[in-house]
Amino acid sequence: MVRNRRLLGLMKPRYSVQDVNTLISFLRGCGTFRFEPYENGLFPAAAVGKDLAGSGYNRIWVRDNVHVSHALHVCGAVTEARINVETLAAFFRLQAHRFDAIARGDTDPRDAKLRPPIRFRAETLTPDEDWANAQNDAIGYFLWIYARLVADDIVVREGIAWDVLALFPPYLRAISYWRDEDSGHWEEMPKVSASSIGVVVAGLRALLALLRGTHGQHIPTAYRSALRVDVVEELLNEGTRALAGILPAECVDNNPLKQRRYDAALLFLIYPLDVVDQSMANQIVDDVCTNLGGDVGVRRYICDSFWCTDYRRKLTSDQRTRDWSEDMATRDALVRCGEEAEWCLFDPVLSLIAGAKFRSTRAPAFLDEQIYRLNRSLGHLTEPTGSVPELRCPELYHREDGRYETSDATPLLWTQALLLLALWSMHKNAELQ
């Protein structure tokens, strides 16, 4: 399903290097890959404009910024990636008192309002206090991207924020992240989620590699205790054991309101995080494609009520994007299973996963899947309707009055980042043919 017909002549059943270059050049010229940061290098969740500023999508989400920063890093915009993660580090430095209070046992981590915040205002680095801040995936994502950029010498050795990195191991131990109930990728009812644990595992792996390498020899004395290799190894082992007991499910809680067999967030444990082995990766991909795939995009999970059918009629603009984490029953009453929104994040990830498998195996079936998922991703780009500029990356499509429409968060920069990476991967594989 291709929304914008201007793409029809550019989409191919097989891509040459020139085909990919032409497509990327066209989309860049149309503004599809416009990443406009604030002055300090942080990115809003969506380029929503002043008319939708009340939606909150002009705020900074740690998770979204890491995905954008990763894409910029991979695609060569290393300065932009560095500035972004260094500003994220500066934000977490301002929240050191929250990390320390929980690590010391002075603050109860069950109160999400006292957790280190993961959404904040770019201009002042002021956190949104009234948000579902118990999001361990966001913590793990930051650890992962920051350690990677340090390891690649993009963050220079003299500028490494060891004081910030030292906040994380004591905090993660204090909350027992491997069995901690957090609101996770989708910022909803707290539960013990494999997708959150897996992101922290990825962050700890990246941190451990950093500590074991030459960078680890230059840790200032004040931070060595918190950043001991054995401490990080212990935390990593706890998370790895917990994942083994949950995957391929997202949550195995006995409470049916929390239990979840399928969740598309698990795809991120394959790409970009590379946390699971190939057998588990295959299972997760099959689970998502079989149980969550839709006509347009991919559902987050079964009976997801966010932007369900006729969402604009059912909720006011202020209600649509408020914190629902403590009142999921009210929103869930709006949906019938089968009416979930279909998201645009996951086809690019599935294309990236298939592309990596093609590079390692040269099996034609994986190249076919990579191209199929890339073309579905391109098909999501918006048509010229007047309300949204054309050829933009939506957050999702949902049914409103019987028609598929985008949500208010269009373009979503997280989707942009993943589509850019999917085209980068296609370029690499076109060179191999």
Protein backbone atom coordinates (compact mmCIF):
# COMPACT_ATOMS: atom_id res chain seq x y z
CA MET A 1 0.00 0.00 0.00
CA VAL A 2 1.83 3.11 -1.25
CA ARG A 3 0.37 6.35 0.08
CA ASN A 4 2.37 8.73 -2.12
CA ARG A 5 2.37 7.93 -5.83
CA ARG A 6 5.52 9.98 -6.44
CA LEU A 7 7.43 7.02 -5.03
CA LEU A 8 6.13 4.44 -7.49
CA GLY A 9 8.85 5.02 -10.06
CA LEU A 10 11.55 4.91 -7.38
CA MET A 11 10.54 1.72 -5.57
CA LYS A 12 12.10 -1.41 -7.05
CA PRO A 13 11.78 -5.20 -6.78
CA ARG A 14 15.61 -5.18 -6.78
CA TYR A 15 17.77 -2.20 -5.87
CA SER A 16 21.07 -1.22 -7.43
CA VAL A 17 23.42 1.19 -5.70
CA GLN A 18 22.26 3.90 -8.10
CA ASP A 19 18.60 3.14 -7.31
CA VAL A 20 19.24 3.62 -3.59
CA ASN A 21 21.26 6.79 -4.14
CA THR A 22 18.51 8.23 -6.32
CA LEU A 23 15.86 7.39 -3.75
CA ILE A 24 17.82 8.87 -0.85
CA SER A 25 18.59 12.02 -2.84
CA PHE A 26 14.92 12.43 -3.76
CA LEU A 27 13.72 11.99 -0.18
CA ARG A 28 16.37 14.33 1.21
CA GLY A 29 15.30 16.95 -1.33
CA CYS A 30 11.70 16.53 -0.19
CA GLY A 31 12.62 17.00 3.47
CA THR A 32 11.88 13.43 4.54
CA PHE A 33 15.15 13.15 6.46
CA ARG A 34 15.17 16.62 8.01
CA PHE A 35 16.42 16.30 11.60
CA GLU A 36 16.19 19.76 13.14
CA PRO A 37 17.68 19.79 16.64
CA TYR A 38 17.34 22.38 19.33
CA GLU A 39 20.41 24.56 19.85
CA ASN A 40 21.87 22.06 22.33
CA GLY A 41 21.66 19.17 19.86
CA LEU A 42 18.58 17.45 21.29
CA PHE A 43 15.72 16.37 19.06
CA PRO A 44 11.99 16.69 19.69
CA ALA A 45 10.00 13.49 19.35
CA ALA A 46 8.13 14.91 16.38
CA ALA A 47 8.28 18.02 14.21
CA VAL A 48 4.74 18.92 15.17
CA GLY A 49 4.85 22.72 14.92
CA LYS A 50 3.43 25.28 17.30
CA ASP A 51 -0.19 24.25 16.68
CA LEU A 52 0.43 20.83 18.26
CA ALA A 53 2.92 21.85 20.94
CA GLY A 54 0.32 20.92 23.55
CA SER A 55 0.62 17.29 22.48
CA GLY A 56 3.99 17.09 24.23
CA TYR A 57 5.79 15.80 21.15
CA ASN A 58 8.04 18.86 21.21
CA ARG A 59 9.56 17.40 24.39
CA ILE A 60 12.74 15.35 24.61
CA TRP A 61 12.41 11.61 25.11
CA VAL A 62 15.71 9.93 25.97
CA ARG A 63 14.71 6.78 24.05
CA ASP A 64 13.82 8.59 20.84
CA ASN A 65 16.96 10.70 20.94
CA VAL A 66 19.14 7.62 21.27
CA HIS A 67 17.56 6.05 18.19
CA VAL A 68 18.08 9.26 16.22
CA SER A 69 21.64 9.61 17.49
CA HIS A 70 22.40 6.01 16.54
CA ALA A 71 21.12 6.55 12.99
CA LEU A 72 23.16 9.72 12.60
CA HIS A 73 26.26 7.92 13.90
CA VAL A 74 25.84 4.97 11.54
CA CYS A 75 25.17 7.21 8.54
CA GLY A 76 28.21 9.42 9.15
CA ALA A 77 26.82 12.46 10.98
CA VAL A 78 29.09 11.79 13.93
CA THR A 79 29.32 15.38 15.18
CA GLU A 80 25.56 15.64 15.51
CA ALA A 81 25.47 12.27 17.28
CA ARG A 82 28.20 13.32 19.71
CA ILE A 83 26.57 16.63 20.60
CA ASN A 84 23.28 14.85 21.19
CA VAL A 85 24.63 12.21 23.60
CA GLU A 86 26.80 14.72 25.43
CA THR A 87 23.73 16.86 26.10
CA LEU A 88 21.83 13.78 27.27
CA ALA A 89 24.74 13.13 29.64
CA ALA A 90 24.50 16.71 30.89
CA PHE A 91 20.80 16.18 31.59
CA PHE A 92 21.46 13.02 33.59
CA ARG A 93 24.20 14.83 35.54
CA LEU A 94 21.51 17.27 36.68
CA GLN A 95 19.50 14.28 37.92
CA ALA A 96 22.36 12.70 39.90
CA HIS A 97 20.54 13.34 43.17
CA ARG A 98 17.68 11.07 42.06
CA PHE A 99 20.03 8.24 41.10
CA ASP A 100 21.96 8.61 44.36
CA ALA A 101 18.88 8.78 46.60
CA ILE A 102 17.55 5.51 45.20
CA ALA A 103 20.98 3.86 45.27
CA ARG A 104 21.38 4.79 48.96
CA GLY A 105 17.90 3.57 49.83
CA ASP A 106 16.68 7.04 50.80
CA THR A 107 13.99 7.06 48.10
CA ASP A 108 11.46 4.38 47.24
CA PRO A 109 11.85 3.50 43.54
CA ARG A 110 8.24 2.31 43.45
CA ASP A 111 7.27 5.98 43.26
CA ALA A 112 7.80 6.68 39.56
CA LYS A 113 7.82 10.42 40.19
CA LEU A 114 11.06 10.03 42.13
CA ARG A 115 12.86 8.05 39.42
CA PRO A 116 15.36 9.68 37.07
CA PRO A 117 13.16 11.36 34.45
CA ILE A 118 13.23 10.29 30.83
CA ARG A 119 11.17 13.14 29.30
CA PHE A 120 12.09 16.80 29.63
CA ARG A 121 12.15 20.25 28.06
CA ALA A 122 15.01 20.88 25.66
CA GLU A 123 15.47 24.55 26.37
CA THR A 124 15.98 24.23 30.14
CA LEU A 125 16.64 20.49 30.66
CA THR A 126 13.72 20.64 33.10
CA PRO A 127 12.07 17.25 33.59
CA ASP A 128 8.40 16.52 33.19
CA GLU A 129 7.63 15.49 36.76
CA ASP A 130 4.13 14.21 35.98
CA TRP A 131 5.26 11.48 33.62
CA ALA A 132 5.75 7.70 33.76
CA ASN A 133 9.45 8.05 34.54
CA ALA A 134 9.99 4.42 35.53
CA GLN A 135 11.36 3.47 32.13
CA ASN A 136 14.42 1.26 32.41
CA ASP A 137 14.71 0.89 28.65
CA ALA A 138 15.49 4.61 28.36
CA ILE A 139 18.23 4.24 30.98
CA GLY A 140 19.68 1.28 29.10
CA TYR A 141 19.53 3.02 25.74
CA PHE A 142 21.57 5.94 27.04
CA LEU A 143 24.23 3.63 28.52
CA TRP A 144 24.39 1.75 25.23
CA ILE A 145 24.78 4.72 22.89
CA TYR A 146 27.12 6.68 25.15
CA ALA A 147 29.47 3.74 25.69
CA ARG A 148 29.49 3.01 21.96
CA LEU A 149 30.40 6.57 21.04
CA VAL A 150 33.17 6.59 23.65
CA ALA A 151 34.49 3.26 22.35
CA ASP A 152 34.54 4.68 18.82
CA ASP A 153 36.44 7.77 20.09
CA ILE A 154 33.62 10.03 18.98
CA VAL A 155 33.34 11.24 22.56
CA VAL A 156 36.93 12.23 23.21
CA ARG A 157 38.76 10.60 26.12
CA GLU A 158 39.24 13.90 27.99
CA GLY A 159 35.52 14.58 27.81
CA ILE A 160 34.12 11.22 28.98
CA ALA A 161 31.37 11.75 31.55
CA TRP A 162 32.62 9.12 34.02
CA ASP A 163 30.63 10.82 36.78
CA VAL A 164 27.43 10.19 34.81
CA LEU A 165 28.30 6.61 33.87
CA ALA A 166 29.03 5.91 37.55
CA LEU A 167 25.42 6.76 38.44
CA PHE A 168 23.98 3.77 36.60
CA PRO A 169 25.37 0.54 38.14
CA PRO A 170 24.43 1.43 41.77
CA TYR A 171 21.01 2.60 40.61
CA LEU A 172 20.33 -0.50 38.51
CA ARG A 173 21.33 -2.72 41.43
CA ALA A 174 19.12 -0.78 43.87
CA ILE A 175 16.02 -1.20 41.70
CA SER A 176 16.92 -4.83 40.83
CA TYR A 177 16.23 -3.95 37.20
CA TRP A 178 16.00 -7.62 36.20
CA ARG A 179 12.76 -7.97 38.21
CA ASP A 180 11.67 -4.34 38.35
CA GLU A 181 8.24 -3.32 37.08
CA ASP A 182 8.66 -0.37 34.71
CA SER A 183 6.48 1.34 32.10
CA GLY A 184 8.84 0.43 29.27
CA HIS A 185 8.91 1.42 25.62
CA TRP A 186 5.19 2.18 25.47
CA GLU A 187 4.94 4.07 28.79
CA GLU A 188 2.02 2.10 30.10
CA MET A 189 1.10 -0.15 33.05
CA PRO A 190 4.28 -1.11 34.95
CA LYS A 191 5.30 -4.75 34.54
CA VAL A 192 8.47 -6.83 34.32
CA SER A 193 9.19 -6.60 30.58
CA ALA A 194 11.79 -8.44 28.53
CA SER A 195 12.13 -5.46 26.19
CA SER A 196 13.19 -3.22 29.09
CA ILE A 197 15.52 -5.77 30.67
CA GLY A 198 17.07 -6.46 27.27
CA VAL A 199 17.89 -2.82 26.62
CA VAL A 200 19.60 -2.54 30.01
CA VAL A 201 21.55 -5.72 29.21
CA ALA A 202 22.71 -4.08 25.96
CA GLY A 203 23.75 -0.96 27.86
CA LEU A 204 25.66 -2.97 30.46
CA ARG A 205 27.41 -4.99 27.75
CA ALA A 206 28.56 -1.80 26.07
CA LEU A 207 29.69 -0.35 29.40
CA LEU A 208 31.53 -3.56 30.32
CA ALA A 209 33.37 -3.57 26.98
CA LEU A 210 34.40 0.01 27.67
CA LEU A 211 35.66 -0.78 31.16
CA ARG A 212 37.66 -3.79 29.96
CA GLY A 213 39.29 -1.80 27.16
CA THR A 214 41.92 0.90 27.23
CA HIS A 215 39.36 3.54 28.21
CA GLY A 216 38.77 1.73 31.48
CA GLN A 217 42.36 2.41 32.51
CA HIS A 218 41.63 6.13 32.73
CA ILE A 219 38.63 6.16 35.08
CA PRO A 220 39.10 8.82 37.77
CA THR A 221 39.60 7.35 41.23
CA ALA A 222 36.33 8.79 42.55
CA TYR A 223 34.26 6.65 40.15
CA ARG A 224 36.18 3.36 40.11
CA SER A 225 34.14 1.73 42.86
CA ALA A 226 30.82 2.22 41.04
CA LEU A 227 32.37 1.17 37.74
CA ARG A 228 34.16 -1.97 38.86
CA VAL A 229 34.14 -4.70 36.22
CA ASP A 230 32.85 -7.34 38.65
CA VAL A 231 29.93 -5.10 39.65
CA VAL A 232 28.87 -4.59 36.04
CA GLU A 233 29.37 -8.30 35.29
CA GLU A 234 27.07 -9.25 38.16
CA LEU A 235 24.36 -6.88 36.94
CA LEU A 236 24.72 -8.16 33.41
CA ASN A 237 24.40 -11.77 34.54
CA GLU A 238 21.22 -11.01 36.48
CA GLY A 239 19.60 -9.48 33.41
CA THR A 240 20.73 -12.28 31.12
CA ARG A 241 19.22 -14.90 33.44
CA ALA A 242 15.97 -12.95 33.68
CA LEU A 243 15.69 -12.70 29.89
CA ALA A 244 16.14 -16.45 29.56
CA GLY A 245 13.12 -16.93 31.80
CA ILE A 246 10.84 -14.53 29.91
CA LEU A 247 11.68 -14.61 26.20
CA PRO A 248 10.22 -15.00 23.65
CA ALA A 249 7.37 -13.39 25.60
CA GLU A 250 7.37 -9.77 26.67
CA CYS A 251 5.90 -10.42 30.12
CA VAL A 252 5.03 -13.69 31.90
CA ASP A 253 3.33 -12.19 34.95
CA ASN A 254 0.43 -14.23 36.35
CA ASN A 255 -1.72 -11.10 36.26
CA PRO A 256 -3.60 -11.27 32.92
CA LEU A 257 -3.56 -7.46 32.68
CA LYS A 258 0.24 -7.53 32.60
CA GLN A 259 0.94 -10.82 30.85
CA ARG A 260 1.90 -10.35 27.20
CA ARG A 261 3.09 -12.98 24.77
CA TYR A 262 3.77 -10.75 21.74
CA ASP A 263 5.21 -7.25 21.63
CA ALA A 264 6.97 -5.55 18.73
CA ALA A 265 9.33 -3.76 21.15
CA LEU A 266 11.24 -7.05 21.33
CA LEU A 267 12.47 -6.38 17.78
CA PHE A 268 14.85 -3.74 19.18
CA LEU A 269 16.66 -6.49 21.09
CA ILE A 270 17.66 -7.77 17.65
CA TYR A 271 18.33 -4.45 15.94
CA PRO A 272 20.06 -2.31 16.90
CA LEU A 273 20.95 -3.93 20.25
CA ASP A 274 22.02 -7.45 19.21
CA VAL A 275 21.09 -8.91 22.60
CA VAL A 276 19.53 -12.25 21.59
CA ASP A 277 20.99 -15.20 19.69
CA GLN A 278 19.90 -16.08 16.16
CA SER A 279 17.39 -18.72 17.22
CA MET A 280 15.59 -16.33 19.57
CA ALA A 281 15.79 -13.55 16.98
CA ASN A 282 14.07 -15.79 14.45
CA GLN A 283 11.34 -16.61 16.98
CA ILE A 284 10.71 -12.96 17.79
CA VAL A 285 10.53 -11.97 14.12
CA ASP A 286 8.13 -14.82 13.37
CA ASP A 287 5.98 -13.90 16.39
CA VAL A 288 5.74 -10.26 15.33
CA CYS A 289 5.08 -10.92 11.65
CA THR A 290 2.50 -13.65 12.32
CA ASN A 291 0.61 -12.08 15.20
CA LEU A 292 1.11 -8.32 14.91
CA GLY A 293 1.48 -7.63 11.19
CA GLY A 294 -1.20 -5.45 9.62
CA ASP A 295 -2.31 -4.25 6.21
CA VAL A 296 -0.39 -0.98 6.57
CA GLY A 297 2.12 -1.36 9.39
CA VAL A 298 2.73 -3.46 12.49
CA ARG A 299 0.78 -3.38 15.75
CA ARG A 300 2.69 -2.83 18.97
CA TYR A 301 0.74 -5.58 20.74
CA ILE A 302 -2.68 -7.22 20.63
CA CYS A 303 -5.50 -4.98 21.90
CA ASP A 304 -3.31 -1.86 22.06
CA SER A 305 -5.68 1.04 22.71
CA PHE A 306 -3.34 3.92 21.81
CA TRP A 307 -4.72 5.57 18.65
CA CYS A 308 -7.27 2.81 18.24
CA THR A 309 -10.15 3.22 15.78
CA ASP A 310 -11.81 6.67 15.92
CA TYR A 311 -9.34 7.86 18.57
CA ARG A 312 -9.85 11.52 17.67
CA ARG A 313 -13.59 11.22 18.24
CA LYS A 314 -13.18 9.30 21.49
CA LEU A 315 -10.62 11.56 23.17
CA THR A 316 -9.80 15.26 23.24
CA SER A 317 -6.40 16.46 22.03
CA ASP A 318 -5.21 16.82 25.64
CA GLN A 319 -6.29 13.30 26.53
CA ARG A 320 -4.71 11.53 23.54
CA THR A 321 -1.12 11.78 24.68
CA ARG A 322 -1.44 12.15 28.45
CA ASP A 323 0.22 9.73 30.88
CA TRP A 324 -2.09 6.71 30.96
CA SER A 325 0.28 4.44 32.91
CA GLU A 326 -1.87 4.46 36.06
CA ASP A 327 -5.24 4.39 34.31
CA MET A 328 -4.92 1.92 31.44
CA ALA A 329 -8.39 0.47 32.06
CA THR A 330 -10.07 3.72 30.96
CA ARG A 331 -8.20 3.86 27.64
CA ASP A 332 -8.38 0.13 27.05
CA ALA A 333 -12.17 0.32 27.27
CA LEU A 334 -12.06 2.24 23.97
CA VAL A 335 -10.62 -0.59 21.86
CA ARG A 336 -11.79 -3.89 20.48
CA CYS A 337 -9.05 -6.33 19.49
CA GLY A 338 -8.43 -5.89 15.78
CA GLU A 339 -8.83 -2.10 15.96
CA GLU A 340 -5.25 -1.36 16.98
CA ALA A 341 -3.15 1.31 15.29
CA GLU A 342 -0.52 0.04 12.86
CA TRP A 343 2.88 1.56 13.52
CA CYS A 344 5.51 2.67 11.02
CA LEU A 345 8.54 1.91 13.24
CA PHE A 346 8.70 -1.80 12.72
CA ASP A 347 8.86 -2.45 8.98
CA PRO A 348 12.20 -0.57 8.79
CA VAL A 349 13.52 -2.64 11.70
CA LEU A 350 12.38 -5.87 10.03
CA SER A 351 14.13 -4.70 6.85
CA LEU A 352 17.32 -4.03 8.81
CA ILE A 353 17.17 -7.45 10.48
CA ALA A 354 16.68 -9.22 7.15
CA GLY A 355 19.44 -7.14 5.57
CA ALA A 356 21.92 -8.16 8.26
CA LYS A 357 20.99 -11.82 7.77
CA PHE A 358 21.56 -11.49 4.03
CA ARG A 359 25.03 -10.05 4.61
CA SER A 360 25.96 -12.97 6.85
CA THR A 361 24.40 -15.76 4.74
CA ARG A 362 23.93 -14.39 1.19
CA ALA A 363 20.61 -16.29 1.17
CA PRO A 364 18.31 -14.69 -1.46
CA ALA A 365 15.23 -15.11 0.76
CA PHE A 366 16.62 -12.60 3.25
CA LEU A 367 17.28 -10.07 0.51
CA ASP A 368 13.69 -10.54 -0.69
CA GLU A 369 12.42 -9.90 2.83
CA GLN A 370 14.66 -6.87 3.24
CA ILE A 371 13.30 -5.31 0.05
CA TYR A 372 9.69 -6.19 0.88
CA ARG A 373 9.95 -4.53 4.29
CA LEU A 374 11.79 -1.51 2.89
CA ASN A 375 9.10 -1.00 0.28
CA ARG A 376 6.38 -1.28 2.92
CA SER A 377 8.27 1.37 4.90
CA LEU A 378 8.39 3.68 1.88
CA GLY A 379 4.69 3.06 1.38
CA HIS A 380 4.02 4.69 4.76
CA LEU A 381 5.30 8.09 3.62
CA THR A 382 2.49 10.61 3.59
CA GLU A 383 0.46 11.69 0.61
CA PRO A 384 -0.20 15.41 -0.06
CA THR A 385 -3.30 16.04 2.05
CA GLY A 386 -2.70 19.60 3.22
CA SER A 387 -2.78 18.82 6.95
CA VAL A 388 0.63 17.10 6.88
CA PRO A 389 3.46 17.78 4.41
CA GLU A 390 3.92 14.99 1.91
CA LEU A 391 6.60 12.32 2.10
CA ARG A 392 6.89 12.50 5.87
CA CYS A 393 7.39 9.54 8.25
CA PRO A 394 4.35 8.98 10.46
CA GLU A 395 4.26 7.53 13.92
CA LEU A 396 1.39 5.26 12.90
CA TYR A 397 -1.80 4.86 10.90
CA HIS A 398 -5.16 4.35 12.58
CA ARG A 399 -8.72 4.16 11.29
CA GLU A 400 -10.76 7.33 11.69
CA ASP A 401 -14.27 7.39 10.20
CA GLY A 402 -13.35 4.34 8.14
CA ARG A 403 -10.18 5.85 6.63
CA TYR A 404 -6.55 5.28 7.53
CA GLU A 405 -5.07 8.48 8.97
CA THR A 406 -1.79 9.37 10.65
CA SER A 407 -1.56 10.35 14.30
CA ASP A 408 -0.70 13.89 15.38
CA ALA A 409 2.99 12.93 15.71
CA THR A 410 3.84 13.23 12.03
CA PRO A 411 6.68 13.31 11.18
CA LEU A 412 8.04 11.18 14.02
CA LEU A 413 11.82 11.46 14.13
CA TRP A 414 12.21 7.92 15.48
CA THR A 415 10.54 6.60 12.30
CA GLN A 416 12.73 8.86 10.15
CA ALA A 417 15.84 7.49 11.79
CA LEU A 418 14.84 3.88 11.20
CA LEU A 419 13.89 4.46 7.57
CA LEU A 420 17.22 6.20 6.96
CA LEU A 421 19.01 3.19 8.44
CA ALA A 422 16.94 0.79 6.32
CA LEU A 423 18.06 2.63 3.19
CA TRP A 424 21.68 2.62 4.43
CA SER A 425 21.44 -1.17 4.84
CA MET A 426 19.90 -1.54 1.38
CA HIS A 427 22.79 0.46 -0.08
CA LYS A 428 25.31 -1.87 1.59
CA ASN A 429 23.56 -4.95 0.23
CA ALA A 430 23.16 -3.51 -3.25
CA GLU A 431 26.96 -3.26 -3.33
CA LEU A 432 27.18 -7.02 -2.71
CA GLN A 433 25.02 -8.07 -5.65
